N, C-alpha and C. Protein backbone atom coordinates (compact mmCIF):
# COMPACT_ATOMS: atom_id res chain seq x y z
N UNK A 1 107.08 69.99 -14.10
CA UNK A 1 108.21 69.11 -14.31
C UNK A 1 108.75 69.22 -15.72
N UNK A 2 107.83 69.49 -16.68
CA UNK A 2 108.26 69.61 -18.07
C UNK A 2 109.23 70.78 -18.23
N UNK A 3 108.94 71.90 -17.58
CA UNK A 3 109.81 73.09 -17.65
C UNK A 3 111.19 72.80 -17.10
N UNK A 4 111.28 72.07 -16.01
CA UNK A 4 112.58 71.71 -15.41
C UNK A 4 113.37 70.84 -16.38
N UNK A 5 112.68 69.90 -17.03
CA UNK A 5 113.33 69.02 -17.99
C UNK A 5 113.92 69.80 -19.17
N UNK A 6 113.16 70.78 -19.64
CA UNK A 6 113.67 71.60 -20.76
C UNK A 6 114.87 72.43 -20.32
N UNK A 7 114.82 72.96 -19.10
CA UNK A 7 115.97 73.74 -18.60
C UNK A 7 117.19 72.85 -18.44
N UNK A 8 116.99 71.66 -17.92
CA UNK A 8 118.11 70.72 -17.77
C UNK A 8 118.70 70.34 -19.12
N UNK A 9 117.82 70.11 -20.14
CA UNK A 9 118.29 69.78 -21.49
C UNK A 9 119.06 70.95 -22.08
N UNK A 10 118.58 72.17 -21.91
CA UNK A 10 119.26 73.34 -22.39
C UNK A 10 120.62 73.52 -21.73
N UNK A 11 120.67 73.33 -20.40
CA UNK A 11 121.93 73.45 -19.68
C UNK A 11 122.92 72.39 -20.14
N UNK A 12 122.43 71.16 -20.37
CA UNK A 12 123.32 70.10 -20.85
C UNK A 12 123.84 70.44 -22.24
N UNK A 13 123.02 70.98 -23.09
CA UNK A 13 123.43 71.38 -24.45
C UNK A 13 124.50 72.47 -24.40
N UNK A 14 124.31 73.45 -23.53
CA UNK A 14 125.30 74.52 -23.38
C UNK A 14 126.60 73.98 -22.85
N UNK A 15 126.54 73.06 -21.89
CA UNK A 15 127.73 72.44 -21.33
C UNK A 15 128.46 71.67 -22.42
N UNK A 16 127.72 70.95 -23.24
CA UNK A 16 128.32 70.17 -24.32
C UNK A 16 129.04 71.08 -25.31
N UNK A 17 128.48 72.23 -25.61
CA UNK A 17 129.11 73.18 -26.53
C UNK A 17 130.44 73.66 -25.91
N UNK A 18 130.46 73.93 -24.63
CA UNK A 18 131.67 74.38 -23.97
C UNK A 18 132.74 73.29 -23.93
N UNK A 19 132.32 72.05 -23.76
CA UNK A 19 133.27 70.97 -23.71
C UNK A 19 133.94 70.75 -25.07
N UNK A 20 133.24 71.06 -26.15
CA UNK A 20 133.79 70.86 -27.47
C UNK A 20 134.52 72.10 -27.99
N UNK A 21 134.67 73.14 -27.19
CA UNK A 21 135.29 74.39 -27.63
C UNK A 21 136.78 74.26 -27.83
N UNK A 22 137.42 73.30 -27.17
CA UNK A 22 138.86 73.14 -27.34
C UNK A 22 139.19 72.70 -28.77
N UNK A 23 140.27 73.21 -29.31
CA UNK A 23 140.69 72.83 -30.65
C UNK A 23 141.10 71.37 -30.67
N UNK A 24 140.73 70.71 -31.73
CA UNK A 24 141.15 69.34 -31.98
C UNK A 24 142.66 69.34 -32.10
N UNK A 25 143.33 68.33 -31.52
CA UNK A 25 144.78 68.27 -31.54
C UNK A 25 145.35 68.05 -32.93
N UNK A 26 144.49 67.79 -33.93
CA UNK A 26 144.95 67.61 -35.27
C UNK A 26 144.73 68.84 -36.14
N UNK A 27 144.09 69.90 -35.62
CA UNK A 27 143.81 71.02 -36.48
C UNK A 27 144.98 71.99 -36.55
N UNK A 28 144.92 72.92 -37.49
CA UNK A 28 146.02 73.83 -37.76
C UNK A 28 146.35 74.73 -36.58
N UNK A 29 145.32 75.24 -35.90
CA UNK A 29 145.56 76.15 -34.76
C UNK A 29 146.32 75.42 -33.67
N UNK A 30 145.86 74.23 -33.31
CA UNK A 30 146.52 73.46 -32.24
C UNK A 30 147.96 73.16 -32.64
N UNK A 31 148.20 72.66 -33.84
CA UNK A 31 149.56 72.27 -34.24
C UNK A 31 150.45 73.50 -34.36
N UNK A 32 149.90 74.62 -34.84
CA UNK A 32 150.71 75.84 -34.93
C UNK A 32 151.16 76.31 -33.54
N UNK A 33 150.24 76.36 -32.61
CA UNK A 33 150.59 76.87 -31.28
C UNK A 33 151.42 75.86 -30.47
N UNK A 34 151.25 74.58 -30.74
CA UNK A 34 152.12 73.59 -30.11
C UNK A 34 153.54 73.78 -30.61
N UNK A 35 153.71 74.03 -31.90
CA UNK A 35 155.02 74.29 -32.47
C UNK A 35 155.61 75.56 -31.88
N UNK A 36 154.80 76.60 -31.77
CA UNK A 36 155.26 77.89 -31.15
C UNK A 36 155.71 77.66 -29.72
N UNK A 37 154.99 76.83 -28.98
CA UNK A 37 155.35 76.50 -27.61
C UNK A 37 156.77 75.87 -27.59
N UNK A 38 157.02 74.96 -28.49
CA UNK A 38 158.34 74.32 -28.58
C UNK A 38 159.43 75.34 -28.91
N UNK A 39 159.14 76.21 -29.87
CA UNK A 39 160.11 77.23 -30.27
C UNK A 39 160.40 78.15 -29.10
N UNK A 40 159.35 78.55 -28.38
CA UNK A 40 159.50 79.46 -27.21
C UNK A 40 160.43 78.87 -26.19
N UNK A 41 160.14 77.65 -25.77
CA UNK A 41 160.91 77.08 -24.69
C UNK A 41 162.32 76.61 -25.13
N UNK A 42 162.46 76.26 -26.40
CA UNK A 42 163.79 75.98 -26.92
C UNK A 42 164.65 77.25 -26.86
N UNK A 43 164.08 78.35 -27.33
CA UNK A 43 164.80 79.64 -27.32
C UNK A 43 165.14 80.09 -25.92
N UNK A 44 164.23 79.88 -24.98
CA UNK A 44 164.44 80.35 -23.60
C UNK A 44 165.38 79.46 -22.81
N UNK A 45 165.32 78.12 -23.02
CA UNK A 45 166.11 77.22 -22.21
C UNK A 45 167.30 76.61 -22.90
N UNK A 46 167.17 76.27 -24.19
CA UNK A 46 168.22 75.50 -24.84
C UNK A 46 169.21 76.35 -25.63
N UNK A 47 168.66 77.15 -26.54
CA UNK A 47 169.53 77.84 -27.52
C UNK A 47 169.83 79.29 -27.16
N UNK A 48 169.17 79.84 -26.14
CA UNK A 48 169.30 81.25 -25.82
C UNK A 48 169.03 82.09 -27.06
N UNK A 49 167.96 81.76 -27.75
CA UNK A 49 167.57 82.45 -28.99
C UNK A 49 166.88 83.77 -28.70
N UNK A 50 167.65 84.74 -28.33
CA UNK A 50 167.06 86.04 -27.90
C UNK A 50 166.32 86.69 -29.06
N UNK A 51 166.86 86.65 -30.26
CA UNK A 51 166.18 87.25 -31.42
C UNK A 51 164.84 86.55 -31.66
N UNK A 52 164.82 85.25 -31.52
CA UNK A 52 163.58 84.49 -31.67
C UNK A 52 162.56 84.89 -30.61
N UNK A 53 163.01 85.03 -29.37
CA UNK A 53 162.10 85.42 -28.29
C UNK A 53 161.47 86.77 -28.57
N UNK A 54 162.20 87.72 -29.15
CA UNK A 54 161.63 89.03 -29.46
C UNK A 54 160.47 88.91 -30.43
N UNK A 55 160.49 87.91 -31.31
CA UNK A 55 159.42 87.77 -32.29
C UNK A 55 158.18 87.09 -31.73
N UNK A 56 158.27 86.47 -30.57
CA UNK A 56 157.18 85.68 -30.03
C UNK A 56 156.26 86.46 -29.06
N UNK A 57 156.62 87.68 -28.69
CA UNK A 57 155.86 88.42 -27.70
C UNK A 57 155.43 89.78 -28.25
N UNK A 58 154.27 90.25 -27.80
CA UNK A 58 153.84 91.61 -28.10
C UNK A 58 154.70 92.57 -27.25
N UNK A 59 154.77 93.81 -27.68
CA UNK A 59 155.53 94.82 -26.94
C UNK A 59 154.98 94.99 -25.52
N UNK A 60 153.64 94.91 -25.39
CA UNK A 60 153.00 95.10 -24.07
C UNK A 60 152.80 93.78 -23.33
N UNK A 61 153.60 92.80 -23.64
CA UNK A 61 153.56 91.49 -23.01
C UNK A 61 153.58 91.62 -21.46
N UNK A 62 152.83 90.77 -20.80
CA UNK A 62 152.83 90.70 -19.34
C UNK A 62 152.97 89.24 -18.91
N UNK A 63 153.85 89.00 -17.92
CA UNK A 63 154.09 87.66 -17.41
C UNK A 63 153.74 87.66 -15.92
N UNK A 64 152.84 86.76 -15.55
CA UNK A 64 152.41 86.63 -14.18
C UNK A 64 152.90 85.27 -13.64
N UNK A 65 153.69 85.30 -12.59
CA UNK A 65 154.30 84.09 -12.02
C UNK A 65 153.91 84.05 -10.53
N UNK A 66 153.43 82.89 -10.12
CA UNK A 66 152.95 82.78 -8.73
C UNK A 66 154.05 82.87 -7.70
N UNK A 67 155.30 82.73 -8.10
CA UNK A 67 156.41 82.84 -7.15
C UNK A 67 157.33 84.00 -7.48
N UNK A 68 157.41 84.36 -8.75
CA UNK A 68 158.35 85.42 -9.17
C UNK A 68 157.72 86.78 -9.39
N UNK A 69 156.39 86.88 -9.31
CA UNK A 69 155.74 88.16 -9.47
C UNK A 69 155.42 88.49 -10.92
N UNK A 70 155.23 89.78 -11.15
CA UNK A 70 154.83 90.29 -12.46
C UNK A 70 156.05 90.85 -13.19
N UNK A 71 156.11 90.54 -14.47
CA UNK A 71 157.09 91.18 -15.38
C UNK A 71 156.30 91.85 -16.48
N UNK A 72 156.51 93.16 -16.65
CA UNK A 72 155.77 93.90 -17.64
C UNK A 72 156.68 94.31 -18.78
N UNK A 73 156.25 94.04 -20.00
CA UNK A 73 156.97 94.44 -21.19
C UNK A 73 157.85 93.35 -21.77
N UNK A 74 157.78 93.21 -23.07
CA UNK A 74 158.57 92.21 -23.80
C UNK A 74 160.08 92.39 -23.54
N UNK A 75 160.55 93.62 -23.64
CA UNK A 75 161.96 93.87 -23.53
C UNK A 75 162.50 93.52 -22.13
N UNK A 76 161.72 93.82 -21.12
CA UNK A 76 162.14 93.47 -19.75
C UNK A 76 162.20 91.97 -19.59
N UNK A 77 161.17 91.27 -20.07
CA UNK A 77 161.11 89.82 -19.94
C UNK A 77 162.25 89.15 -20.70
N UNK A 78 162.41 89.53 -21.97
CA UNK A 78 163.47 88.93 -22.78
C UNK A 78 164.86 89.34 -22.26
N UNK A 79 164.94 90.56 -21.75
CA UNK A 79 166.21 91.02 -21.18
C UNK A 79 166.67 90.16 -20.02
N UNK A 80 165.77 89.71 -19.20
CA UNK A 80 166.14 88.83 -18.08
C UNK A 80 166.67 87.51 -18.57
N UNK A 81 166.06 86.97 -19.60
CA UNK A 81 166.54 85.71 -20.18
C UNK A 81 167.91 85.93 -20.80
N UNK A 82 168.09 87.05 -21.51
CA UNK A 82 169.38 87.38 -22.12
C UNK A 82 170.47 87.47 -21.07
N UNK A 83 170.17 88.08 -19.93
CA UNK A 83 171.14 88.20 -18.86
C UNK A 83 171.55 86.82 -18.35
N UNK A 84 170.57 85.95 -18.16
CA UNK A 84 170.88 84.59 -17.71
C UNK A 84 171.74 83.83 -18.75
N UNK A 85 171.41 84.03 -20.00
CA UNK A 85 172.17 83.37 -21.06
C UNK A 85 173.61 83.87 -21.12
N UNK A 86 173.79 85.17 -20.88
CA UNK A 86 175.14 85.72 -20.96
C UNK A 86 176.02 85.22 -19.85
N UNK A 87 175.42 84.70 -18.78
CA UNK A 87 176.19 84.13 -17.66
C UNK A 87 176.57 82.68 -17.86
N UNK A 88 176.04 82.05 -18.91
CA UNK A 88 176.37 80.63 -19.20
C UNK A 88 177.78 80.54 -19.77
N UNK A 89 178.43 79.49 -19.36
CA UNK A 89 179.76 79.23 -19.92
C UNK A 89 179.57 78.51 -21.27
N UNK A 90 180.33 78.91 -22.29
CA UNK A 90 180.22 78.24 -23.59
C UNK A 90 180.44 76.72 -23.48
N UNK A 91 179.57 75.97 -24.10
CA UNK A 91 179.68 74.51 -24.09
C UNK A 91 179.14 73.83 -22.83
N UNK A 92 178.75 74.59 -21.82
CA UNK A 92 178.24 74.02 -20.60
C UNK A 92 176.83 73.47 -20.82
N UNK A 93 176.45 72.49 -20.01
CA UNK A 93 175.10 71.96 -20.06
C UNK A 93 174.12 73.06 -19.72
N UNK A 94 172.94 72.97 -20.32
CA UNK A 94 171.92 73.96 -19.96
C UNK A 94 171.55 73.72 -18.50
N UNK A 95 171.38 74.79 -17.74
CA UNK A 95 171.14 74.63 -16.31
C UNK A 95 169.74 74.12 -15.96
N UNK A 96 168.80 74.24 -16.90
CA UNK A 96 167.43 73.80 -16.61
C UNK A 96 166.79 73.28 -17.90
N UNK A 97 165.86 72.35 -17.71
CA UNK A 97 165.07 71.82 -18.81
C UNK A 97 163.61 72.02 -18.51
N UNK A 98 162.87 72.32 -19.56
CA UNK A 98 161.42 72.44 -19.45
C UNK A 98 160.83 71.29 -20.25
N UNK A 99 159.90 70.56 -19.64
CA UNK A 99 159.28 69.39 -20.29
C UNK A 99 157.78 69.58 -20.29
N UNK A 100 157.19 69.62 -21.47
CA UNK A 100 155.74 69.68 -21.58
C UNK A 100 155.18 68.32 -21.21
N UNK A 101 154.25 68.29 -20.26
CA UNK A 101 153.64 67.02 -19.84
C UNK A 101 152.77 66.49 -20.99
N UNK A 102 153.09 65.30 -21.50
CA UNK A 102 152.34 64.76 -22.63
C UNK A 102 150.85 64.72 -22.37
N UNK A 103 150.08 65.12 -23.37
CA UNK A 103 148.65 65.10 -23.28
C UNK A 103 148.02 66.27 -22.52
N UNK A 104 148.83 67.19 -22.00
CA UNK A 104 148.27 68.25 -21.17
C UNK A 104 147.93 69.52 -21.95
N UNK A 105 148.45 69.65 -23.16
CA UNK A 105 148.27 70.88 -23.89
C UNK A 105 146.85 71.02 -24.47
N UNK A 106 146.25 72.16 -24.23
CA UNK A 106 144.90 72.46 -24.74
C UNK A 106 144.95 73.81 -25.41
N UNK A 107 144.17 73.97 -26.47
CA UNK A 107 144.11 75.23 -27.20
C UNK A 107 142.63 75.59 -27.42
N UNK A 108 142.29 76.82 -27.08
CA UNK A 108 140.93 77.31 -27.25
C UNK A 108 140.94 78.57 -28.12
N UNK A 109 140.29 78.55 -29.28
CA UNK A 109 140.28 79.69 -30.17
C UNK A 109 139.45 80.83 -29.59
N UNK A 110 139.84 82.04 -29.93
CA UNK A 110 139.13 83.25 -29.54
C UNK A 110 138.65 83.97 -30.82
N UNK A 111 137.36 84.30 -30.87
CA UNK A 111 136.76 84.95 -32.02
C UNK A 111 136.15 86.27 -31.63
N UNK A 112 136.17 87.18 -32.60
CA UNK A 112 135.42 88.43 -32.47
C UNK A 112 134.70 88.66 -33.77
N UNK A 113 133.38 88.77 -33.71
CA UNK A 113 132.58 88.91 -34.91
C UNK A 113 132.85 87.82 -35.94
N UNK A 114 133.05 86.61 -35.45
CA UNK A 114 133.28 85.46 -36.33
C UNK A 114 134.69 85.35 -36.88
N UNK A 115 135.58 86.27 -36.52
CA UNK A 115 136.96 86.23 -37.00
C UNK A 115 137.92 85.82 -35.90
N UNK A 116 138.77 84.86 -36.20
CA UNK A 116 139.78 84.38 -35.23
C UNK A 116 140.79 85.50 -34.98
N UNK A 117 140.93 85.88 -33.72
CA UNK A 117 141.89 86.93 -33.38
C UNK A 117 142.95 86.45 -32.36
N UNK A 118 142.69 85.31 -31.74
CA UNK A 118 143.63 84.85 -30.73
C UNK A 118 143.28 83.45 -30.26
N UNK A 119 144.00 83.01 -29.26
CA UNK A 119 143.77 81.68 -28.69
C UNK A 119 144.34 81.64 -27.28
N UNK A 120 143.72 80.80 -26.48
CA UNK A 120 144.23 80.51 -25.14
C UNK A 120 144.87 79.12 -25.21
N UNK A 121 146.10 79.06 -24.75
CA UNK A 121 146.84 77.79 -24.71
C UNK A 121 147.11 77.48 -23.25
N UNK A 122 146.76 76.30 -22.85
CA UNK A 122 146.91 75.88 -21.45
C UNK A 122 147.59 74.53 -21.42
N UNK A 123 148.42 74.33 -20.42
CA UNK A 123 149.05 73.01 -20.26
C UNK A 123 149.77 72.91 -18.93
N UNK A 124 150.47 71.81 -18.79
CA UNK A 124 151.25 71.55 -17.59
C UNK A 124 152.67 71.25 -18.05
N UNK A 125 153.63 71.84 -17.35
CA UNK A 125 155.01 71.54 -17.67
C UNK A 125 155.80 71.29 -16.39
N UNK A 126 156.87 70.50 -16.55
CA UNK A 126 157.75 70.23 -15.43
C UNK A 126 159.14 70.76 -15.77
N UNK A 127 159.95 70.89 -14.73
CA UNK A 127 161.28 71.43 -14.92
C UNK A 127 162.29 70.51 -14.22
N UNK A 128 163.45 70.43 -14.80
CA UNK A 128 164.57 69.73 -14.18
C UNK A 128 165.76 70.69 -14.12
N UNK A 129 166.55 70.57 -13.09
CA UNK A 129 167.68 71.46 -12.89
C UNK A 129 168.94 70.68 -12.63
N UNK A 130 170.06 71.22 -13.04
CA UNK A 130 171.34 70.56 -12.78
C UNK A 130 171.68 70.66 -11.29
N UNK A 131 172.10 69.55 -10.74
CA UNK A 131 172.56 69.62 -9.33
C UNK A 131 174.09 69.83 -9.36
N UNK A 132 174.71 69.82 -8.18
CA UNK A 132 176.15 70.09 -8.08
C UNK A 132 176.96 68.99 -8.73
N UNK A 133 176.39 67.81 -8.96
CA UNK A 133 177.10 66.72 -9.59
C UNK A 133 176.93 66.73 -11.14
N UNK A 134 176.23 67.76 -11.64
CA UNK A 134 176.01 67.84 -13.09
C UNK A 134 174.94 66.89 -13.61
N UNK A 135 174.06 66.44 -12.72
CA UNK A 135 172.97 65.56 -13.12
C UNK A 135 171.65 66.33 -12.97
N UNK A 136 170.73 66.02 -13.85
CA UNK A 136 169.43 66.70 -13.76
C UNK A 136 168.61 66.06 -12.66
N UNK A 137 167.97 66.92 -11.88
CA UNK A 137 167.05 66.48 -10.85
C UNK A 137 165.69 67.14 -11.05
N UNK A 138 164.67 66.50 -10.57
CA UNK A 138 163.32 67.04 -10.72
C UNK A 138 163.19 68.34 -9.95
N UNK A 139 162.51 69.27 -10.57
CA UNK A 139 162.17 70.56 -9.94
C UNK A 139 160.68 70.68 -9.80
N UNK A 140 160.16 71.83 -10.17
CA UNK A 140 158.73 72.09 -10.05
C UNK A 140 157.95 71.48 -11.21
N UNK A 141 156.68 71.30 -10.94
CA UNK A 141 155.70 71.05 -11.98
C UNK A 141 154.68 72.20 -11.82
N UNK A 142 154.20 72.72 -12.92
CA UNK A 142 153.33 73.88 -12.85
C UNK A 142 152.38 73.93 -14.02
N UNK A 143 151.36 74.73 -13.90
CA UNK A 143 150.43 74.97 -14.99
C UNK A 143 150.83 76.29 -15.69
N UNK A 144 150.52 76.38 -16.95
CA UNK A 144 150.75 77.62 -17.67
C UNK A 144 149.58 77.92 -18.58
N UNK A 145 149.39 79.19 -18.81
CA UNK A 145 148.36 79.68 -19.73
C UNK A 145 148.99 80.80 -20.56
N UNK A 146 148.88 80.69 -21.86
CA UNK A 146 149.34 81.75 -22.77
C UNK A 146 148.13 82.30 -23.49
N UNK A 147 148.07 83.61 -23.62
CA UNK A 147 147.08 84.27 -24.47
C UNK A 147 147.82 84.69 -25.72
N UNK A 148 147.54 84.00 -26.82
CA UNK A 148 148.16 84.29 -28.09
C UNK A 148 147.24 85.23 -28.88
N UNK A 149 147.85 86.19 -29.56
CA UNK A 149 147.10 87.14 -30.40
C UNK A 149 147.67 87.08 -31.82
N UNK A 150 146.80 87.12 -32.78
CA UNK A 150 147.23 87.24 -34.17
C UNK A 150 147.61 88.67 -34.43
N UNK A 151 148.85 88.89 -34.76
CA UNK A 151 149.38 90.23 -35.07
C UNK A 151 149.74 90.20 -36.57
N UNK A 152 148.80 90.63 -37.42
CA UNK A 152 148.96 90.42 -38.83
C UNK A 152 148.81 88.91 -39.10
N UNK A 153 149.87 88.30 -39.61
CA UNK A 153 149.88 86.88 -39.86
C UNK A 153 150.68 86.11 -38.80
N UNK A 154 151.18 86.84 -37.80
CA UNK A 154 152.05 86.22 -36.80
C UNK A 154 151.34 86.03 -35.47
N UNK A 155 151.57 84.87 -34.84
CA UNK A 155 151.05 84.60 -33.53
C UNK A 155 152.06 85.11 -32.50
N UNK A 156 151.56 85.90 -31.55
CA UNK A 156 152.42 86.44 -30.50
C UNK A 156 151.73 86.29 -29.16
N UNK A 157 152.54 86.10 -28.13
CA UNK A 157 151.96 85.96 -26.77
C UNK A 157 151.81 87.35 -26.20
N UNK A 158 150.59 87.64 -25.75
CA UNK A 158 150.28 88.93 -25.10
C UNK A 158 150.33 88.79 -23.58
N UNK A 159 149.85 87.67 -23.06
CA UNK A 159 149.84 87.44 -21.62
C UNK A 159 150.28 85.99 -21.38
N UNK A 160 151.04 85.84 -20.28
CA UNK A 160 151.46 84.49 -19.88
C UNK A 160 151.27 84.38 -18.37
N UNK A 161 150.72 83.24 -17.97
CA UNK A 161 150.57 82.95 -16.55
C UNK A 161 151.30 81.63 -16.27
N UNK A 162 152.05 81.63 -15.17
CA UNK A 162 152.74 80.42 -14.74
C UNK A 162 152.39 80.26 -13.25
N UNK A 163 151.69 79.17 -12.91
CA UNK A 163 151.11 79.09 -11.58
C UNK A 163 150.98 77.65 -11.08
N UNK A 164 150.64 77.53 -9.83
CA UNK A 164 150.46 76.25 -9.16
C UNK A 164 151.77 75.45 -9.17
N UNK A 165 152.88 76.15 -8.96
CA UNK A 165 154.18 75.48 -8.90
C UNK A 165 154.27 74.62 -7.65
N UNK A 166 154.63 73.35 -7.86
CA UNK A 166 154.80 72.42 -6.76
C UNK A 166 155.98 71.54 -7.07
N UNK A 167 156.65 71.10 -6.03
CA UNK A 167 157.76 70.16 -6.22
C UNK A 167 157.23 68.85 -6.76
N UNK A 168 157.93 68.29 -7.74
CA UNK A 168 157.57 66.98 -8.24
C UNK A 168 157.91 65.90 -7.23
N UNK A 169 157.10 64.92 -7.20
CA UNK A 169 157.35 63.79 -6.30
C UNK A 169 158.25 62.79 -6.91
């Protein structure tokens, strides 16, 4: 029985270490990547900041979407957003809004040989779309995961997953 108790204590200790692996919401990594998240979605949805989007992704960026499939390459991904932006009428309301669900953002640092090289950012976001009356209506709610890599001194997204899309109630 003593051996089982030691194993249980060891397992509990390992579980506790894993539970504490997420970055504190007050630390520099969390606040930096939360700000990058805001910049990303502002550029993609609000300002059509194509030049900004180019700075946020690695060249070999990959986007995995549970409904839209795979998009490979930064230029292909940003090009699709640029095409959508070019179809907007000047001064028109943005056709969609992305809202980060409060309290859902998590950041997990990635280390190699004790050196920070990246981070996993996970959260939940919801979307609203303009209806024919020009009013926003609820769209999907979904989970997202970004794999951020330090490229020199710059944080860039290497992989993005958008999944578990469901209509909001």
